[in-house]
Amino acid sequence: MLYTNLKHIENAAHHNKVISENENVMVCCGRMGPMCIPVYGVMEEIENDYSHVKFFDMEFDNPESHVIRNLPEVRGFMGIPFVIYYKNGKVVKATSSIQNKSEITNILNSVFIENK
């Protein structure tokens, strides 16, 4: 279990439900380690500012996270977390390793344009 304040994706079926039922989704797939914790922290900090995006975490070592670990977009990734951005059920961006608030918000602002 990941000890974050984010919503948790527990298995592949839940992952598929989340990305099929929500237009904009950010999933951070990692561990409770030094490269992942800062990303979870940024997600928790900005979640209320991005009401048009659903934020989730998923345990990297859970066998069910194969739905993220086996994506073609993550081939060649060497570090965790794997952060996947989905729009209408499709991957629109994938990143790995530690990221700061500016890097994450730049991606959110470019791939999830809010319709007001």
C-alpha atoms as a PDB file:
ATOM      1  CA  MET A   1       0.000   0.000   0.000  1.00  0.00           C
ATOM      2  CA  LEU A   2       1.149   3.506  -0.780  1.00  0.00           C
ATOM      3  CA  TYR A   3       0.772   5.892   2.140  1.00  0.00           C
ATOM      4  CA  THR A   4      -0.409   8.969   0.260  1.00  0.00           C
ATOM      5  CA  ASN A   5      -3.555  11.071   0.379  1.00  0.00           C
ATOM      6  CA  LEU A   6      -4.267  10.252  -3.259  1.00  0.00           C
ATOM      7  CA  LYS A   7      -6.896   7.843  -4.488  1.00  0.00           C
ATOM      8  CA  HIS A   8      -5.353   4.407  -4.959  1.00  0.00           C
ATOM      9  CA  ILE A   9      -5.719   2.119  -7.973  1.00  0.00           C
ATOM     10  CA  GLU A  10      -5.724  -1.390  -6.548  1.00  0.00           C
ATOM     11  CA  ASN A  11      -5.843  -3.607  -9.644  1.00  0.00           C
ATOM     12  CA  ALA A  12      -5.985  -3.711 -13.443  1.00  0.00           C
ATOM     13  CA  ALA A  13      -9.792  -3.724 -13.550  1.00  0.00           C
ATOM     14  CA  HIS A  14      -9.948  -0.620 -11.355  1.00  0.00           C
ATOM     15  CA  HIS A  15      -7.299   1.056 -13.547  1.00  0.00           C
ATOM     16  CA  ASN A  16      -9.349   0.371 -16.672  1.00  0.00           C
ATOM     17  CA  LYS A  17     -12.501   1.690 -14.988  1.00  0.00           C
ATOM     18  CA  VAL A  18     -10.748   4.889 -13.866  1.00  0.00           C
ATOM     19  CA  ILE A  19      -9.347   5.729 -17.298  1.00  0.00           C
ATOM     20  CA  SER A  20     -12.563   4.825 -19.118  1.00  0.00           C
ATOM     21  CA  GLU A  21     -14.842   6.846 -16.823  1.00  0.00           C
ATOM     22  CA  ASN A  22     -12.739  10.020 -16.540  1.00  0.00           C
ATOM     23  CA  GLU A  23     -11.621  12.321 -19.323  1.00  0.00           C
ATOM     24  CA  ASN A  24      -8.315  13.434 -17.747  1.00  0.00           C
ATOM     25  CA  VAL A  25      -6.329  11.150 -15.441  1.00  0.00           C
ATOM     26  CA  MET A  26      -2.828  11.313 -13.954  1.00  0.00           C
ATOM     27  CA  VAL A  27      -1.473   8.086 -12.441  1.00  0.00           C
ATOM     28  CA  CYS A  28       1.789   7.926 -10.522  1.00  0.00           C
ATOM     29  CA  CYS A  29       2.998   4.328 -10.356  1.00  0.00           C
ATOM     30  CA  GLY A  30       5.774   3.991  -7.829  1.00  0.00           C
ATOM     31  CA  ARG A  31       6.947   3.094  -4.342  1.00  0.00           C
ATOM     32  CA  MET A  32       7.393   5.006  -1.097  1.00  0.00           C
ATOM     33  CA  GLY A  33      10.916   5.967  -2.108  1.00  0.00           C
ATOM     34  CA  PRO A  34      12.947   9.157  -2.569  1.00  0.00           C
ATOM     35  CA  MET A  35      12.164   9.546  -6.272  1.00  0.00           C
ATOM     36  CA  CYS A  36       8.425   8.914  -5.896  1.00  0.00           C
ATOM     37  CA  ILE A  37       7.439  10.706  -2.690  1.00  0.00           C
ATOM     38  CA  PRO A  38       8.082  14.219  -4.112  1.00  0.00           C
ATOM     39  CA  VAL A  39       5.798  13.446  -7.075  1.00  0.00           C
ATOM     40  CA  TYR A  40       3.006  12.248  -4.771  1.00  0.00           C
ATOM     41  CA  GLY A  41       3.492  15.410  -2.717  1.00  0.00           C
ATOM     42  CA  VAL A  42       3.099  17.659  -5.762  1.00  0.00           C
ATOM     43  CA  MET A  43       0.009  15.729  -6.854  1.00  0.00           C
ATOM     44  CA  GLU A  44      -1.542  16.141  -3.391  1.00  0.00           C
ATOM     45  CA  GLU A  45      -0.662  19.849  -3.370  1.00  0.00           C
ATOM     46  CA  ILE A  46      -2.170  20.677  -6.771  1.00  0.00           C
ATOM     47  CA  GLU A  47      -5.115  18.276  -6.863  1.00  0.00           C
ATOM     48  CA  ASN A  48      -7.639  20.966  -5.849  1.00  0.00           C
ATOM     49  CA  ASP A  49      -6.276  23.379  -8.470  1.00  0.00           C
ATOM     50  CA  TYR A  50      -6.968  20.877 -11.269  1.00  0.00           C
ATOM     51  CA  SER A  51     -10.575  19.849 -10.671  1.00  0.00           C
ATOM     52  CA  HIS A  52     -10.831  18.708 -14.298  1.00  0.00           C
ATOM     53  CA  VAL A  53      -8.104  16.072 -13.681  1.00  0.00           C
ATOM     54  CA  LYS A  54      -8.373  12.932 -11.534  1.00  0.00           C
ATOM     55  CA  PHE A  55      -5.205  12.068  -9.598  1.00  0.00           C
ATOM     56  CA  PHE A  56      -4.335   8.491  -8.596  1.00  0.00           C
ATOM     57  CA  ASP A  57      -1.415   6.426  -7.409  1.00  0.00           C
ATOM     58  CA  MET A  58      -0.653   2.750  -8.013  1.00  0.00           C
ATOM     59  CA  GLU A  59       1.913   0.487  -6.393  1.00  0.00           C
ATOM     60  CA  PHE A  60       4.716  -0.320  -8.824  1.00  0.00           C
ATOM     61  CA  ASP A  61       5.427  -3.697  -7.201  1.00  0.00           C
ATOM     62  CA  ASN A  62       1.806  -4.841  -7.339  1.00  0.00           C
ATOM     63  CA  PRO A  63       1.502  -7.512 -10.069  1.00  0.00           C
ATOM     64  CA  GLU A  64      -1.632  -5.671 -11.223  1.00  0.00           C
ATOM     65  CA  SER A  65       0.440  -2.643 -12.224  1.00  0.00           C
ATOM     66  CA  HIS A  66       1.442  -4.535 -15.364  1.00  0.00           C
ATOM     67  CA  VAL A  67      -1.167  -2.319 -17.044  1.00  0.00           C
ATOM     68  CA  ILE A  68       1.279   0.548 -16.603  1.00  0.00           C
ATOM     69  CA  ARG A  69       4.648  -1.251 -16.578  1.00  0.00           C
ATOM     70  CA  ASN A  70       3.903  -2.886 -19.959  1.00  0.00           C
ATOM     71  CA  LEU A  71       2.749   0.218 -21.818  1.00  0.00           C
ATOM     72  CA  PRO A  72       4.737   0.867 -25.011  1.00  0.00           C
ATOM     73  CA  GLU A  73       5.207   4.465 -23.822  1.00  0.00           C
ATOM     74  CA  VAL A  74       7.322   3.322 -20.837  1.00  0.00           C
ATOM     75  CA  ARG A  75       9.728   1.060 -22.715  1.00  0.00           C
ATOM     76  CA  GLY A  76      13.198   2.230 -21.921  1.00  0.00           C
ATOM     77  CA  PHE A  77      12.241   3.988 -18.674  1.00  0.00           C
ATOM     78  CA  MET A  78      15.016   3.395 -16.158  1.00  0.00           C
ATOM     79  CA  GLY A  79      13.633   5.059 -13.024  1.00  0.00           C
ATOM     80  CA  ILE A  80      10.435   5.204 -11.063  1.00  0.00           C
ATOM     81  CA  PRO A  81       7.882   6.528 -10.649  1.00  0.00           C
ATOM     82  CA  PHE A  82       6.220   6.013 -13.985  1.00  0.00           C
ATOM     83  CA  VAL A  83       3.744   8.867 -14.401  1.00  0.00           C
ATOM     84  CA  ILE A  84       1.071   8.331 -17.013  1.00  0.00           C
ATOM     85  CA  TYR A  85      -1.315  11.003 -18.279  1.00  0.00           C
ATOM     86  CA  TYR A  86      -4.500   9.680 -19.896  1.00  0.00           C
ATOM     87  CA  LYS A  87      -7.024  11.628 -21.945  1.00  0.00           C
ATOM     88  CA  ASN A  88     -10.230   9.805 -22.881  1.00  0.00           C
ATOM     89  CA  GLY A  89      -8.607   6.474 -21.998  1.00  0.00           C
ATOM     90  CA  LYS A  90      -5.506   7.007 -24.157  1.00  0.00           C
ATOM     91  CA  VAL A  91      -1.961   7.773 -23.034  1.00  0.00           C
ATOM     92  CA  VAL A  92      -1.082  11.343 -24.018  1.00  0.00           C
ATOM     93  CA  LYS A  93       2.159  11.648 -22.017  1.00  0.00           C
ATOM     94  CA  ALA A  94       4.403   9.391 -19.944  1.00  0.00           C
ATOM     95  CA  THR A  95       7.346  10.394 -17.777  1.00  0.00           C
ATOM     96  CA  SER A  96       9.656   8.704 -15.311  1.00  0.00           C
ATOM     97  CA  SER A  97      11.801   9.589 -12.348  1.00  0.00           C
ATOM     98  CA  ILE A  98      11.535  12.517  -9.975  1.00  0.00           C
ATOM     99  CA  GLN A  99       9.674  15.606 -11.183  1.00  0.00           C
ATOM    100  CA  ASN A 100       9.061  18.962  -9.564  1.00  0.00           C
ATOM    101  CA  LYS A 101       5.874  21.018  -9.396  1.00  0.00           C
ATOM    102  CA  SER A 102       6.782  23.154 -12.395  1.00  0.00           C
ATOM    103  CA  GLU A 103       7.469  20.132 -14.613  1.00  0.00           C
ATOM    104  CA  ILE A 104       4.205  18.450 -13.598  1.00  0.00           C
ATOM    105  CA  THR A 105       2.024  21.548 -13.961  1.00  0.00           C
ATOM    106  CA  ASN A 106       3.566  22.317 -17.374  1.00  0.00           C
ATOM    107  CA  ILE A 107       2.492  18.866 -18.549  1.00  0.00           C
ATOM    108  CA  LEU A 108      -0.973  19.178 -17.004  1.00  0.00           C
ATOM    109  CA  ASN A 109      -1.456  22.592 -18.606  1.00  0.00           C
ATOM    110  CA  SER A 110      -0.387  21.332 -22.022  1.00  0.00           C
ATOM    111  CA  VAL A 111      -2.225  18.005 -22.193  1.00  0.00           C
ATOM    112  CA  PHE A 112      -5.357  18.733 -20.129  1.00  0.00           C
ATOM    113  CA  ILE A 113      -6.724  22.042 -21.295  1.00  0.00           C
ATOM    114  CA  GLU A 114      -9.632  23.023 -19.074  1.00  0.00           C
ATOM    115  CA  ASN A 115     -12.883  23.868 -20.819  1.00  0.00           C
ATOM    116  CA  LYS A 116     -14.517  26.656 -18.876  1.00  0.00           C
END
